[in-house]
Amino acid sequence: MAKKRKLTAAEKAAKKARKKEYMTVFIGGKQKRVKRPPMIDGLTPDEFIRRNADPIWLHENEMWEYLPLYDEEHCRCDHPIPENDEDIPF
């Protein structure tokens, strides 16, 4: 059996770029190359947004489903709420 020839530097670079852009999946029992999903720091864009976006940015971009929910018991205000109306200064 003959030896396989070694890839040239250009062929290696092309193979590396192709592997970076595409991934191999099985569809109908056959291997197919499909484009990889976009990634940001190893995360999908949705996961990256969920981890790094602040509530103001999420609201401005109408991504309300990702906004954290706040309960009254978790939101503490610095001022105690008066028990009776006599303590209210106005």
N, C-alpha and C. Protein backbone atom coordinates (compact mmCIF):
# COMPACT_ATOMS: atom_id res chain seq x y z
N MET A 1 0.84 -1.17 0.00
CA MET A 1 0.00 0.00 0.00
C MET A 1 0.89 1.24 0.00
N ALA A 2 0.53 2.20 -0.79
CA ALA A 2 1.35 3.40 -0.93
C ALA A 2 1.15 4.32 0.27
N LYS A 3 2.18 5.09 0.56
CA LYS A 3 2.10 6.06 1.65
C LYS A 3 1.23 7.24 1.23
N LYS A 4 0.51 7.79 2.22
CA LYS A 4 -0.26 9.00 1.94
C LYS A 4 0.69 10.17 1.84
N ARG A 5 0.41 11.07 0.93
CA ARG A 5 1.28 12.23 0.83
C ARG A 5 0.92 13.23 1.92
N LYS A 6 1.89 13.98 2.36
CA LYS A 6 1.67 14.97 3.40
C LYS A 6 1.03 16.21 2.78
N LEU A 7 0.20 16.87 3.59
CA LEU A 7 -0.46 18.09 3.11
C LEU A 7 0.52 19.24 3.12
N THR A 8 0.36 20.13 2.15
CA THR A 8 1.20 21.32 2.11
C THR A 8 0.67 22.30 3.15
N ALA A 9 1.42 23.36 3.40
CA ALA A 9 1.01 24.36 4.39
C ALA A 9 -0.30 25.02 3.99
N ALA A 10 -0.47 25.30 2.70
CA ALA A 10 -1.71 25.92 2.23
C ALA A 10 -2.90 24.97 2.41
N GLU A 11 -2.70 23.68 2.14
CA GLU A 11 -3.78 22.71 2.32
C GLU A 11 -4.13 22.54 3.79
N LYS A 12 -3.11 22.55 4.66
CA LYS A 12 -3.37 22.47 6.10
C LYS A 12 -4.17 23.67 6.58
N ALA A 13 -3.81 24.86 6.10
CA ALA A 13 -4.51 26.08 6.51
C ALA A 13 -5.96 26.04 6.02
N ALA A 14 -6.17 25.57 4.79
CA ALA A 14 -7.53 25.47 4.25
C ALA A 14 -8.36 24.47 5.05
N LYS A 15 -7.75 23.35 5.42
CA LYS A 15 -8.45 22.32 6.20
C LYS A 15 -8.83 22.87 7.58
N LYS A 16 -7.91 23.59 8.20
CA LYS A 16 -8.17 24.17 9.52
C LYS A 16 -9.30 25.20 9.46
N ALA A 17 -9.28 26.04 8.42
CA ALA A 17 -10.34 27.04 8.26
C ALA A 17 -11.68 26.37 8.00
N ARG A 18 -11.69 25.31 7.21
CA ARG A 18 -12.91 24.58 6.90
C ARG A 18 -13.48 23.93 8.16
N LYS A 19 -12.61 23.33 8.98
CA LYS A 19 -13.07 22.70 10.22
C LYS A 19 -13.62 23.74 11.20
N LYS A 20 -13.03 24.94 11.16
CA LYS A 20 -13.49 25.99 12.06
C LYS A 20 -14.86 26.52 11.64
N GLU A 21 -15.13 26.53 10.34
CA GLU A 21 -16.37 27.09 9.82
C GLU A 21 -17.51 26.07 9.78
N TYR A 22 -17.20 24.81 9.52
CA TYR A 22 -18.22 23.78 9.37
C TYR A 22 -18.05 22.70 10.42
N MET A 23 -19.16 21.98 10.68
CA MET A 23 -19.10 20.81 11.54
C MET A 23 -19.81 19.66 10.84
N THR A 24 -19.47 18.46 11.20
CA THR A 24 -20.03 17.28 10.56
C THR A 24 -21.14 16.72 11.43
N VAL A 25 -22.32 16.48 10.82
CA VAL A 25 -23.45 15.89 11.52
C VAL A 25 -23.99 14.74 10.67
N PHE A 26 -24.73 13.86 11.30
CA PHE A 26 -25.37 12.76 10.58
C PHE A 26 -26.81 13.14 10.29
N ILE A 27 -27.18 13.10 9.01
CA ILE A 27 -28.55 13.37 8.58
C ILE A 27 -28.97 12.21 7.67
N GLY A 28 -29.99 11.50 8.09
CA GLY A 28 -30.45 10.36 7.28
C GLY A 28 -29.41 9.27 7.15
N GLY A 29 -28.56 9.09 8.14
CA GLY A 29 -27.54 8.06 8.10
C GLY A 29 -26.31 8.42 7.30
N LYS A 30 -26.23 9.66 6.84
CA LYS A 30 -25.07 10.09 6.06
C LYS A 30 -24.42 11.29 6.73
N GLN A 31 -23.13 11.42 6.53
CA GLN A 31 -22.43 12.57 7.09
C GLN A 31 -22.64 13.78 6.19
N LYS A 32 -22.98 14.90 6.82
CA LYS A 32 -23.14 16.15 6.09
C LYS A 32 -22.35 17.23 6.81
N ARG A 33 -21.84 18.17 6.04
CA ARG A 33 -21.17 19.32 6.64
C ARG A 33 -22.16 20.47 6.70
N VAL A 34 -22.32 21.03 7.88
CA VAL A 34 -23.20 22.18 8.06
C VAL A 34 -22.40 23.28 8.74
N LYS A 35 -22.83 24.53 8.53
CA LYS A 35 -22.13 25.65 9.16
C LYS A 35 -22.30 25.58 10.67
N ARG A 36 -21.26 25.92 11.37
CA ARG A 36 -21.33 25.96 12.83
C ARG A 36 -22.18 27.15 13.26
N PRO A 37 -22.88 27.04 14.39
CA PRO A 37 -23.63 28.19 14.90
C PRO A 37 -22.65 29.26 15.37
N PRO A 38 -23.03 30.53 15.27
CA PRO A 38 -22.13 31.59 15.72
C PRO A 38 -21.88 31.50 17.22
N MET A 39 -20.66 31.80 17.63
CA MET A 39 -20.29 31.73 19.04
C MET A 39 -19.60 33.02 19.47
N ILE A 40 -19.86 33.44 20.70
CA ILE A 40 -19.20 34.59 21.30
C ILE A 40 -18.56 34.09 22.59
N ASP A 41 -17.26 34.11 22.66
CA ASP A 41 -16.51 33.60 23.81
C ASP A 41 -16.92 32.18 24.18
N GLY A 42 -17.22 31.37 23.19
CA GLY A 42 -17.60 29.98 23.43
C GLY A 42 -19.05 29.79 23.82
N LEU A 43 -19.86 30.85 23.78
CA LEU A 43 -21.28 30.78 24.12
C LEU A 43 -22.11 31.15 22.91
N THR A 44 -23.33 30.61 22.85
CA THR A 44 -24.24 31.04 21.80
C THR A 44 -24.62 32.50 22.07
N PRO A 45 -25.05 33.24 21.05
CA PRO A 45 -25.41 34.65 21.28
C PRO A 45 -26.50 34.84 22.34
N ASP A 46 -27.50 33.95 22.36
CA ASP A 46 -28.57 34.07 23.36
C ASP A 46 -28.03 33.88 24.78
N GLU A 47 -27.18 32.89 24.97
CA GLU A 47 -26.61 32.64 26.29
C GLU A 47 -25.69 33.78 26.71
N PHE A 48 -24.92 34.31 25.77
CA PHE A 48 -24.04 35.44 26.06
C PHE A 48 -24.85 36.66 26.51
N ILE A 49 -25.96 36.92 25.83
CA ILE A 49 -26.82 38.05 26.20
C ILE A 49 -27.42 37.82 27.57
N ARG A 50 -27.91 36.60 27.83
CA ARG A 50 -28.51 36.32 29.14
C ARG A 50 -27.52 36.53 30.28
N ARG A 51 -26.27 36.18 30.07
CA ARG A 51 -25.27 36.30 31.14
C ARG A 51 -24.75 37.72 31.32
N ASN A 52 -24.66 38.51 30.24
CA ASN A 52 -23.93 39.77 30.30
C ASN A 52 -24.78 41.03 30.19
N ALA A 53 -26.02 40.93 29.76
CA ALA A 53 -26.82 42.13 29.55
C ALA A 53 -27.42 42.62 30.87
N ASP A 54 -27.50 43.94 31.01
CA ASP A 54 -28.14 44.50 32.18
C ASP A 54 -29.62 44.74 31.85
N PRO A 55 -30.47 44.92 32.87
CA PRO A 55 -31.91 45.06 32.63
C PRO A 55 -32.27 46.23 31.72
N ILE A 56 -31.53 47.32 31.78
CA ILE A 56 -31.84 48.47 30.93
C ILE A 56 -31.64 48.11 29.46
N TRP A 57 -30.52 47.45 29.14
CA TRP A 57 -30.26 47.06 27.75
C TRP A 57 -31.32 46.08 27.26
N LEU A 58 -31.71 45.12 28.12
CA LEU A 58 -32.73 44.16 27.73
C LEU A 58 -34.05 44.86 27.45
N HIS A 59 -34.40 45.86 28.26
CA HIS A 59 -35.65 46.59 28.05
C HIS A 59 -35.59 47.41 26.77
N GLU A 60 -34.47 48.08 26.51
CA GLU A 60 -34.33 48.89 25.30
C GLU A 60 -34.44 48.03 24.04
N ASN A 61 -33.99 46.79 24.10
CA ASN A 61 -34.01 45.91 22.94
C ASN A 61 -35.20 44.96 22.95
N GLU A 62 -36.18 45.25 23.80
CA GLU A 62 -37.44 44.50 23.88
C GLU A 62 -37.24 43.01 24.12
N MET A 63 -36.31 42.68 25.00
CA MET A 63 -36.06 41.28 25.37
C MET A 63 -36.59 41.06 26.78
N TRP A 64 -37.88 41.26 26.95
CA TRP A 64 -38.47 41.20 28.28
C TRP A 64 -38.47 39.80 28.86
N GLU A 65 -38.42 38.78 28.01
CA GLU A 65 -38.43 37.41 28.54
C GLU A 65 -37.15 37.09 29.30
N TYR A 66 -36.09 37.85 29.08
CA TYR A 66 -34.82 37.62 29.78
C TYR A 66 -34.67 38.49 31.02
N LEU A 67 -35.59 39.43 31.25
CA LEU A 67 -35.50 40.30 32.42
C LEU A 67 -35.70 39.49 33.69
N PRO A 68 -34.90 39.74 34.72
CA PRO A 68 -35.11 39.01 35.98
C PRO A 68 -36.39 39.48 36.66
N LEU A 69 -37.07 38.57 37.31
CA LEU A 69 -38.30 38.91 38.02
C LEU A 69 -37.96 39.28 39.45
N TYR A 70 -38.59 40.32 39.94
CA TYR A 70 -38.35 40.77 41.30
C TYR A 70 -39.62 40.59 42.12
N ASP A 71 -39.46 40.08 43.32
CA ASP A 71 -40.56 39.96 44.26
C ASP A 71 -40.44 41.07 45.29
N GLU A 72 -41.57 41.39 45.93
CA GLU A 72 -41.53 42.45 46.94
C GLU A 72 -40.67 42.05 48.13
N GLU A 73 -40.66 40.77 48.47
CA GLU A 73 -39.87 40.34 49.63
C GLU A 73 -38.38 40.39 49.33
N HIS A 74 -37.99 40.29 48.06
CA HIS A 74 -36.57 40.36 47.71
C HIS A 74 -36.10 41.79 47.50
N CYS A 75 -37.02 42.68 47.16
CA CYS A 75 -36.66 44.09 46.97
C CYS A 75 -36.78 44.80 48.31
N ARG A 76 -35.69 45.16 48.86
CA ARG A 76 -35.69 45.83 50.15
C ARG A 76 -35.39 47.30 49.94
N CYS A 77 -36.17 48.13 50.56
CA CYS A 77 -35.89 49.56 50.48
C CYS A 77 -35.15 49.97 51.76
N ASP A 78 -34.42 51.07 51.69
CA ASP A 78 -33.62 51.52 52.82
C ASP A 78 -34.47 52.11 53.93
N HIS A 79 -35.62 52.65 53.56
CA HIS A 79 -36.48 53.31 54.55
C HIS A 79 -37.56 52.35 55.02
N PRO A 80 -37.74 52.23 56.32
CA PRO A 80 -38.80 51.34 56.82
C PRO A 80 -40.18 51.93 56.50
N ILE A 81 -41.12 51.07 56.20
CA ILE A 81 -42.48 51.52 55.91
C ILE A 81 -43.19 51.71 57.24
N PRO A 82 -43.79 52.91 57.46
CA PRO A 82 -44.46 53.17 58.74
C PRO A 82 -45.70 52.30 58.91
N GLU A 83 -45.93 51.89 60.16
CA GLU A 83 -47.07 51.03 60.47
C GLU A 83 -48.38 51.82 60.52
N ASN A 84 -48.32 53.03 61.05
CA ASN A 84 -49.55 53.82 61.15
C ASN A 84 -49.35 55.16 60.44
N ASP A 85 -50.44 55.89 60.27
CA ASP A 85 -50.39 57.14 59.51
C ASP A 85 -49.80 58.30 60.31
N GLU A 86 -49.65 58.17 61.63
CA GLU A 86 -49.14 59.27 62.44
C GLU A 86 -47.66 59.53 62.18
N ASP A 87 -46.93 58.53 61.71
CA ASP A 87 -45.50 58.69 61.48
C ASP A 87 -45.17 59.37 60.15
N ILE A 88 -46.17 59.53 59.28
CA ILE A 88 -45.91 60.13 57.97
C ILE A 88 -45.73 61.64 58.16
N PRO A 89 -44.64 62.22 57.67
CA PRO A 89 -44.34 63.62 57.94
C PRO A 89 -45.15 64.61 57.10
N PHE A 90 -45.89 64.21 56.14
CA PHE A 90 -46.62 65.19 55.32
C PHE A 90 -48.09 64.95 55.33
